[in-house]
Protein backbone atom coordinates (compact mmCIF):
# COMPACT_ATOMS: atom_id res chain seq x y z
CA MET A 1 -51.20 63.25 1.18
CA LEU A 2 -54.44 64.63 2.32
CA ARG A 3 -57.49 62.29 3.09
CA GLN A 4 -60.41 64.55 2.53
CA SER A 5 -62.94 64.79 -0.50
CA THR A 6 -60.61 65.52 -2.88
CA LEU A 7 -58.10 64.93 -5.64
CA MET A 8 -55.45 63.86 -3.20
CA PRO A 9 -52.51 66.38 -3.98
CA ALA A 10 -49.18 65.44 -5.21
CA TRP A 11 -46.69 66.27 -2.22
CA MET A 12 -46.25 69.58 -0.67
CA LEU A 13 -44.12 72.52 -0.42
CA ALA A 14 -44.65 74.28 2.82
CA LEU A 15 -47.11 77.24 2.48
CA ALA A 16 -44.96 78.87 5.24
CA CYS A 17 -41.83 78.65 2.88
CA LEU A 18 -43.99 80.16 0.16
CA VAL A 19 -44.87 83.22 2.16
CA LEU A 20 -41.54 83.30 3.82
CA LEU A 21 -39.87 83.79 0.28
CA THR A 22 -42.79 85.98 -1.38
CA ALA A 23 -43.07 88.55 1.24
CA CYS A 24 -41.77 91.89 2.01
CA SER A 25 -42.65 93.76 -1.23
CA SER A 26 -42.23 97.23 -2.26
CA LYS A 27 -45.30 96.94 -4.17
CA GLU A 28 -47.26 95.53 -1.28
CA SER A 29 -50.11 97.83 -1.75
CA THR A 30 -50.83 97.05 -5.51
CA ALA A 31 -50.68 93.32 -5.04
CA VAL A 32 -53.79 91.34 -4.98
CA ARG A 33 -54.00 87.96 -2.72
CA LEU A 34 -56.85 85.28 -3.14
CA GLN A 35 -57.04 82.44 -1.00
CA GLY A 36 -59.45 79.28 -0.22
CA GLU A 37 -59.88 75.79 0.42
CA SER A 38 -60.80 73.28 -2.31
CA MET A 39 -60.31 69.43 -2.73
CA GLY A 40 -59.36 68.85 0.39
CA THR A 41 -56.41 71.23 0.65
CA THR A 42 -55.87 75.11 0.42
CA TRP A 43 -54.88 77.40 -2.59
CA HIS A 44 -53.32 80.65 -2.56
CA ILE A 45 -52.90 83.37 -5.18
CA THR A 46 -50.70 86.40 -5.35
CA PHE A 47 -50.83 88.81 -8.71
CA LEU A 48 -50.64 92.30 -9.79
CA PRO A 49 -53.75 93.48 -11.46
CA ASN A 50 -53.88 95.08 -14.97
CA PRO A 51 -55.91 98.39 -14.05
CA ARG A 52 -57.46 98.49 -17.44
CA LEU A 53 -58.15 94.51 -17.94
CA THR A 54 -58.31 93.02 -14.64
CA LYS A 55 -61.79 92.14 -13.43
CA ASP A 56 -63.09 92.74 -9.78
CA ALA A 57 -61.27 90.22 -7.17
CA LYS A 58 -64.54 88.85 -6.13
CA VAL A 59 -65.30 87.99 -10.04
CA LEU A 60 -61.59 86.47 -10.26
CA ARG A 61 -62.12 84.29 -7.08
CA ALA A 62 -65.62 83.01 -8.48
CA GLY A 63 -63.65 81.83 -11.80
CA VAL A 64 -61.12 80.25 -9.86
CA ASP A 65 -63.70 78.60 -7.66
CA ALA A 66 -65.57 77.35 -10.78
CA ILE A 67 -62.61 75.90 -12.21
CA LEU A 68 -61.68 73.99 -9.13
CA VAL A 69 -65.14 72.50 -8.86
CA ARG A 70 -64.98 71.62 -12.28
CA ILE A 71 -61.74 69.40 -11.85
CA ASP A 72 -63.01 67.98 -8.73
CA GLU A 73 -66.18 66.74 -10.34
CA GLN A 74 -64.19 65.32 -13.23
CA MET A 75 -61.01 63.84 -11.70
CA SER A 76 -61.43 63.23 -8.05
CA ASN A 77 -61.34 59.53 -6.77
CA TRP A 78 -62.65 60.59 -3.73
CA ARG A 79 -66.03 61.49 -5.20
CA LYS A 80 -67.98 58.46 -6.28
CA ASP A 81 -69.94 60.49 -8.75
CA SER A 82 -66.99 62.06 -10.17
CA GLU A 83 -66.19 61.17 -13.93
CA ILE A 84 -63.01 59.14 -13.12
CA SER A 85 -64.83 57.27 -10.44
CA ARG A 86 -67.62 56.37 -12.78
CA PHE A 87 -65.42 55.19 -15.41
CA ASN A 88 -63.20 53.16 -12.81
CA GLN A 89 -66.58 51.56 -11.56
CA ALA A 90 -67.77 50.91 -15.30
CA GLN A 91 -67.00 47.17 -15.61
CA VAL A 92 -66.78 47.55 -19.45
CA THR A 93 -64.34 47.92 -22.03
CA GLU A 94 -66.11 49.97 -24.63
CA TRP A 95 -65.41 53.66 -25.02
CA PHE A 96 -66.62 55.62 -22.04
CA PRO A 97 -67.66 59.13 -22.81
CA VAL A 98 -65.78 61.67 -20.57
CA SER A 99 -64.74 65.55 -20.83
CA LEU A 100 -62.43 66.91 -22.85
CA ASP A 101 -60.30 67.95 -19.60
CA LEU A 102 -60.18 64.45 -18.53
CA VAL A 103 -59.03 63.11 -21.72
CA LYS A 104 -56.32 65.81 -21.99
CA VAL A 105 -54.76 64.65 -18.23
CA VAL A 106 -54.90 61.14 -19.08
CA ALA A 107 -52.99 61.63 -22.38
CA ALA A 108 -50.59 63.60 -20.65
CA ALA A 109 -50.20 60.93 -18.11
CA GLN A 110 -49.68 58.47 -20.68
CA GLN A 111 -46.79 60.12 -22.57
CA VAL A 112 -45.03 60.25 -19.15
CA SER A 113 -45.77 56.67 -18.82
CA GLN A 114 -44.37 55.68 -22.30
CA LEU A 115 -41.20 58.00 -21.37
CA SER A 116 -40.50 56.32 -18.32
CA LYS A 117 -41.35 52.73 -19.56
CA GLY A 118 -44.15 52.35 -17.01
CA VAL A 119 -42.41 53.68 -14.06
CA TYR A 120 -45.04 56.39 -13.82
CA ASP A 121 -48.46 54.61 -14.48
CA ILE A 122 -52.03 56.20 -13.34
CA THR A 123 -53.33 52.62 -13.60
CA VAL A 124 -51.56 51.87 -10.18
CA GLY A 125 -54.86 52.63 -8.53
CA PRO A 126 -55.49 48.97 -7.59
CA LEU A 127 -51.89 48.87 -5.85
CA VAL A 128 -52.36 52.14 -4.31
CA ASN A 129 -55.69 51.24 -3.01
CA ILE A 130 -54.55 47.68 -1.30
CA TRP A 131 -51.84 49.32 0.41
CA GLY A 132 -54.13 51.85 2.06
CA PHE A 133 -53.00 55.19 0.39
CA GLY A 134 -56.21 55.60 -1.82
CA SER A 135 -59.72 56.45 -1.07
CA THR A 136 -60.81 52.81 -0.22
CA LYS A 137 -59.00 52.35 3.39
CA LYS A 138 -56.36 54.13 5.52
CA ALA A 139 -52.93 52.75 5.31
CA GLU A 140 -52.13 50.57 8.55
CA THR A 141 -50.74 47.25 7.26
CA LYS A 142 -48.91 45.82 4.56
CA PRO A 143 -51.09 43.63 2.23
CA THR A 144 -50.54 40.01 1.71
CA ASP A 145 -48.32 38.83 -1.31
CA ALA A 146 -51.36 37.37 -2.91
CA GLU A 147 -53.11 40.77 -2.81
CA ILE A 148 -50.38 42.53 -4.38
CA GLN A 149 -50.12 39.99 -7.15
CA THR A 150 -53.78 40.20 -7.91
CA ALA A 151 -53.96 44.04 -7.85
CA LEU A 152 -50.62 44.12 -10.00
CA ALA A 153 -52.54 42.29 -12.73
CA LYS A 154 -54.72 45.01 -13.01
CA VAL A 155 -52.29 47.35 -13.73
CA GLY A 156 -50.74 48.41 -16.97
CA TYR A 157 -50.93 52.10 -18.91
CA GLN A 158 -50.54 50.11 -22.30
CA LYS A 159 -54.32 48.98 -21.12
CA LEU A 160 -55.64 52.46 -21.17
CA PHE A 161 -56.83 54.51 -24.45
CA THR A 162 -58.08 57.97 -25.28
CA GLN A 163 -59.58 59.60 -27.94
CA GLU A 164 -60.55 63.37 -28.25
CA GLN A 165 -63.42 63.29 -30.84
CA PRO A 166 -65.68 62.43 -29.28
CA PRO A 167 -63.84 62.63 -25.75
CA ALA A 168 -63.48 59.49 -24.36
CA LEU A 169 -61.68 56.84 -22.21
CA ARG A 170 -61.27 53.16 -22.96
CA LYS A 171 -59.66 50.22 -20.87
CA ALA A 172 -58.80 46.82 -21.89
CA LEU A 173 -59.51 45.25 -18.46
CA PRO A 174 -63.04 45.99 -17.10
CA GLU A 175 -61.61 45.91 -13.40
CA MET A 176 -58.85 48.70 -14.20
CA TYR A 177 -58.59 51.80 -11.77
CA VAL A 178 -57.23 55.00 -12.94
CA ASP A 179 -55.72 57.31 -10.06
CA LEU A 180 -54.99 60.92 -11.12
CA ALA A 181 -53.64 62.20 -7.66
CA SER A 182 -50.11 62.61 -9.56
CA ILE A 183 -51.37 64.74 -12.09
CA ALA A 184 -54.75 66.32 -11.84
CA PRO A 185 -53.69 69.10 -9.20
CA GLY A 186 -50.97 70.30 -11.61
CA TYR A 187 -53.50 70.39 -14.52
CA ALA A 188 -56.13 72.89 -12.12
CA VAL A 189 -53.20 75.12 -11.54
CA ASP A 190 -52.33 75.26 -15.14
CA LEU A 191 -56.01 75.95 -16.05
CA ILE A 192 -56.19 78.88 -13.22
CA GLY A 193 -53.13 80.46 -14.79
CA GLN A 194 -54.79 80.55 -18.31
CA TYR A 195 -57.57 81.98 -16.72
CA PHE A 196 -55.55 84.50 -15.18
CA GLU A 197 -53.81 85.28 -18.58
CA GLN A 198 -57.01 85.66 -20.37
CA GLN A 199 -57.80 88.45 -17.69
CA GLY A 200 -54.78 90.21 -18.84
CA ILE A 201 -52.91 89.35 -15.67
CA LYS A 202 -49.07 89.00 -16.39
CA ASP A 203 -47.61 88.60 -12.89
CA TYR A 204 -49.08 86.11 -10.72
CA MET A 205 -47.91 83.15 -8.55
CA ILE A 206 -50.84 80.37 -8.09
CA GLU A 207 -50.19 77.55 -5.49
CA LEU A 208 -52.73 74.44 -4.88
CA GLY A 209 -51.87 72.23 -2.27
CA GLY A 210 -47.95 72.84 -2.94
CA GLU A 211 -48.27 72.64 -6.91
CA VAL A 212 -47.00 75.93 -8.06
CA ARG A 213 -47.17 78.01 -11.39
CA THR A 214 -45.64 81.60 -11.86
CA LEU A 215 -45.79 84.32 -14.30
CA GLY A 216 -43.79 87.53 -14.82
CA LYS A 217 -42.67 89.24 -11.85
CA SER A 218 -43.29 89.11 -7.87
CA PRO A 219 -44.55 92.21 -6.20
CA ARG A 220 -40.89 93.05 -5.30
CA GLY A 221 -40.28 93.41 -9.03
CA ASP A 222 -38.07 90.29 -9.42
CA ASP A 223 -38.42 86.91 -9.82
CA TRP A 224 -40.95 84.78 -7.67
CA ARG A 225 -38.96 82.73 -5.06
CA ILE A 226 -40.16 79.48 -3.47
CA GLY A 227 -38.90 77.59 -0.76
CA ILE A 228 -38.22 73.62 -1.44
CA GLU A 229 -39.29 72.19 2.26
CA LYS A 230 -36.99 70.21 4.22
CA PRO A 231 -38.18 66.55 4.12
CA VAL A 232 -39.00 65.76 7.75
CA ASP A 233 -41.91 64.03 9.22
CA LEU A 234 -42.89 66.89 11.71
CA GLY A 235 -42.80 70.60 11.30
CA ASN A 236 -41.85 72.70 8.42
CA ALA A 237 -38.61 74.18 7.53
CA VAL A 238 -36.92 75.26 4.27
CA GLN A 239 -34.25 72.98 2.69
CA GLN A 240 -33.41 75.10 -0.25
CA GLY A 241 -34.71 78.36 -1.79
CA MET A 242 -35.32 78.86 -5.43
CA ARG A 243 -36.50 81.00 -8.22
CA LEU A 244 -39.45 80.08 -10.52
CA VAL A 245 -39.70 81.78 -13.66
CA ASN A 246 -42.53 81.34 -15.89
CA ALA A 247 -43.04 77.58 -15.12
CA GLY A 248 -44.73 75.06 -13.14
CA LEU A 249 -42.96 73.30 -10.09
CA SER A 250 -44.05 70.18 -8.10
CA THR A 251 -42.57 68.51 -5.44
CA SER A 252 -43.14 64.81 -4.38
CA GLY A 253 -41.97 63.00 -1.34
CA ASP A 254 -42.52 60.15 1.12
CA TYR A 255 -42.39 62.05 4.33
CA ARG A 256 -45.94 62.85 5.12
CA ASP A 257 -47.92 59.70 4.02
CA PHE A 258 -46.64 56.51 5.14
CA PHE A 259 -47.13 53.87 7.94
CA ILE A 260 -44.61 51.85 9.87
CA GLU A 261 -45.21 48.23 10.66
CA ASN A 262 -42.51 46.20 12.47
CA GLY A 263 -39.98 48.85 12.35
CA LYS A 264 -40.24 49.22 8.64
CA ARG A 265 -41.39 52.34 6.96
CA TYR A 266 -43.82 51.94 3.87
CA SER A 267 -44.45 55.13 2.07
CA HIS A 268 -47.04 55.91 -0.70
CA THR A 269 -44.79 55.76 -3.29
CA ILE A 270 -45.66 52.16 -5.29
CA ASP A 271 -42.95 50.36 -7.59
CA THR A 272 -45.48 49.46 -10.69
CA THR A 273 -42.89 46.81 -11.68
CA THR A 274 -43.08 44.75 -8.23
CA GLY A 275 -46.25 46.09 -6.83
CA TYR A 276 -44.56 46.88 -3.45
CA THR A 277 -43.83 50.13 -2.07
CA ALA A 278 -40.50 51.69 -3.44
CA SER A 279 -37.38 50.90 -1.55
CA HIS A 280 -34.71 53.62 -1.74
CA SER A 281 -33.45 56.70 0.23
CA LEU A 282 -35.08 59.48 -1.75
CA ALA A 283 -37.05 61.59 0.63
CA SER A 284 -38.30 64.41 -1.79
CA VAL A 285 -37.98 65.40 -5.51
CA SER A 286 -38.80 68.79 -6.93
CA VAL A 287 -39.31 69.28 -10.89
CA VAL A 288 -39.68 72.54 -12.71
CA ALA A 289 -41.34 72.09 -16.19
CA GLU A 290 -42.99 73.92 -18.99
CA ASN A 291 -46.35 73.56 -16.91
CA THR A 292 -47.49 72.35 -13.78
CA THR A 293 -49.26 69.35 -15.47
CA LEU A 294 -45.76 67.92 -16.63
CA ALA A 295 -43.94 68.86 -13.15
CA ASP A 296 -46.65 66.98 -11.07
CA ALA A 297 -46.40 63.73 -13.12
CA TYR A 298 -42.48 64.12 -13.65
CA SER A 299 -41.99 64.64 -9.93
CA THR A 300 -43.96 61.14 -9.08
CA MET A 301 -41.99 59.55 -11.73
CA LEU A 302 -38.64 60.44 -10.32
CA MET A 303 -39.76 59.71 -6.75
CA ALA A 304 -40.54 56.26 -7.83
CA MET A 305 -37.15 55.77 -9.29
CA GLY A 306 -35.13 56.71 -6.62
CA GLU A 307 -32.11 58.91 -5.90
CA ILE A 308 -29.80 56.82 -8.20
CA LYS A 309 -31.92 55.90 -11.29
CA GLY A 310 -33.89 59.00 -10.73
CA ARG A 311 -30.95 61.17 -10.91
CA ALA A 312 -29.55 59.50 -13.98
CA PHE A 313 -32.72 59.56 -15.87
CA ALA A 314 -33.16 63.45 -15.09
CA ASP A 315 -29.65 63.82 -16.53
CA GLN A 316 -30.28 61.93 -19.62
CA HIS A 317 -33.65 63.52 -20.44
CA GLN A 318 -32.51 67.12 -19.35
CA LEU A 319 -35.21 67.48 -16.79
CA LYS A 320 -34.86 70.47 -14.12
CA ALA A 321 -34.90 68.34 -10.98
CA PHE A 322 -33.85 68.71 -7.35
CA PHE A 323 -33.34 65.56 -5.11
CA ILE A 324 -33.16 65.26 -1.42
CA TRP A 325 -32.04 62.09 0.06
CA ARG A 326 -31.40 60.44 3.42
CA THR A 327 -27.92 59.16 4.53
CA ASP A 328 -26.55 58.16 7.86
CA LYS A 329 -25.02 61.77 8.14
CA GLY A 330 -28.47 63.53 7.00
CA PHE A 331 -29.75 64.66 3.90
CA GLU A 332 -27.91 65.18 0.79
CA THR A 333 -29.05 67.04 -2.12
CA TYR A 334 -28.46 67.25 -5.90
CA ALA A 335 -29.42 69.76 -8.84
CA THR A 336 -29.38 68.73 -12.10
CA ALA A 337 -27.97 71.24 -14.67
CA GLY A 338 -30.97 72.78 -15.74
CA PHE A 339 -32.14 73.29 -12.03
CA GLN A 340 -28.80 74.97 -10.84
CA PRO A 341 -29.41 78.32 -12.22
CA LEU A 342 -32.56 78.31 -10.42
CA LEU A 343 -31.16 77.79 -6.85
CA LEU A 344 -30.98 80.82 -4.38
CA GLN A 345 -27.54 81.18 -2.60
CA PRO A 346 -27.74 81.08 1.25
């Protein structure tokens, strides 16, 4: 998890893996590639232009930059002047005017919270912060039981409300703190995809800090190929290759943002039922959904559930998910029925 002035992206697919599986194109000369930095991470876009409709690459890049700046200004917990930060700072329970984008993201998150019965909860911010995985301090030591219970009392998606006309948020407890790190990056990717489609671009791959969305075909003329990263603490390697067809992809894991105290590993994934970091062997879960916003939230949700409950939930709700967990003999993997057709064979 990145720690700069950003929407802390949900976990990463290695960029090297993306490059590895999308290079070597017979249409290399026609493909256009854009890249940059935003929200404390990097972004990369590859697309095939529409000669009649597509704008100049510089114009497209300016459009991408404008979207990323807008989302950062609305949803970054790392900016004290962002909309979500001002909402968090406001010690009120009245309706708080915000942008429609912010309402849409919170409403989507609330739907996932209801589906998971609170396992996924964007009001987890007080717990994230006291554990040191938020914007207030660096993760170094386990908080006290009293600190955890105090923070837990401020958590509860049922106490957060949205309205679209006029767009506003409301919280039942003045001290509630909303953290959008697990869904806002996916939403940003979807907005960029919609922007490209409005420019007549029908073949693209967009990647922002590991959140991915594709449409159409790759420069090779086949489906876009993505590498799911091996969940190791150091280095980058591909665990599994896959095809991503007109959909969004997000990977969450515990292998980048954690600390060790007295020999015990504490990851950034918080169990909202107890207030403690999740205790299971799941190292990584990747989810494919109709859009990257949902994929982002679902991957966080399943990561919090762990390899046993998460697999059962994904199967029951027919989610397209790929799990990697640790065993004494190394990593084991599981792909749901919906994910299996997407796997690339070695």
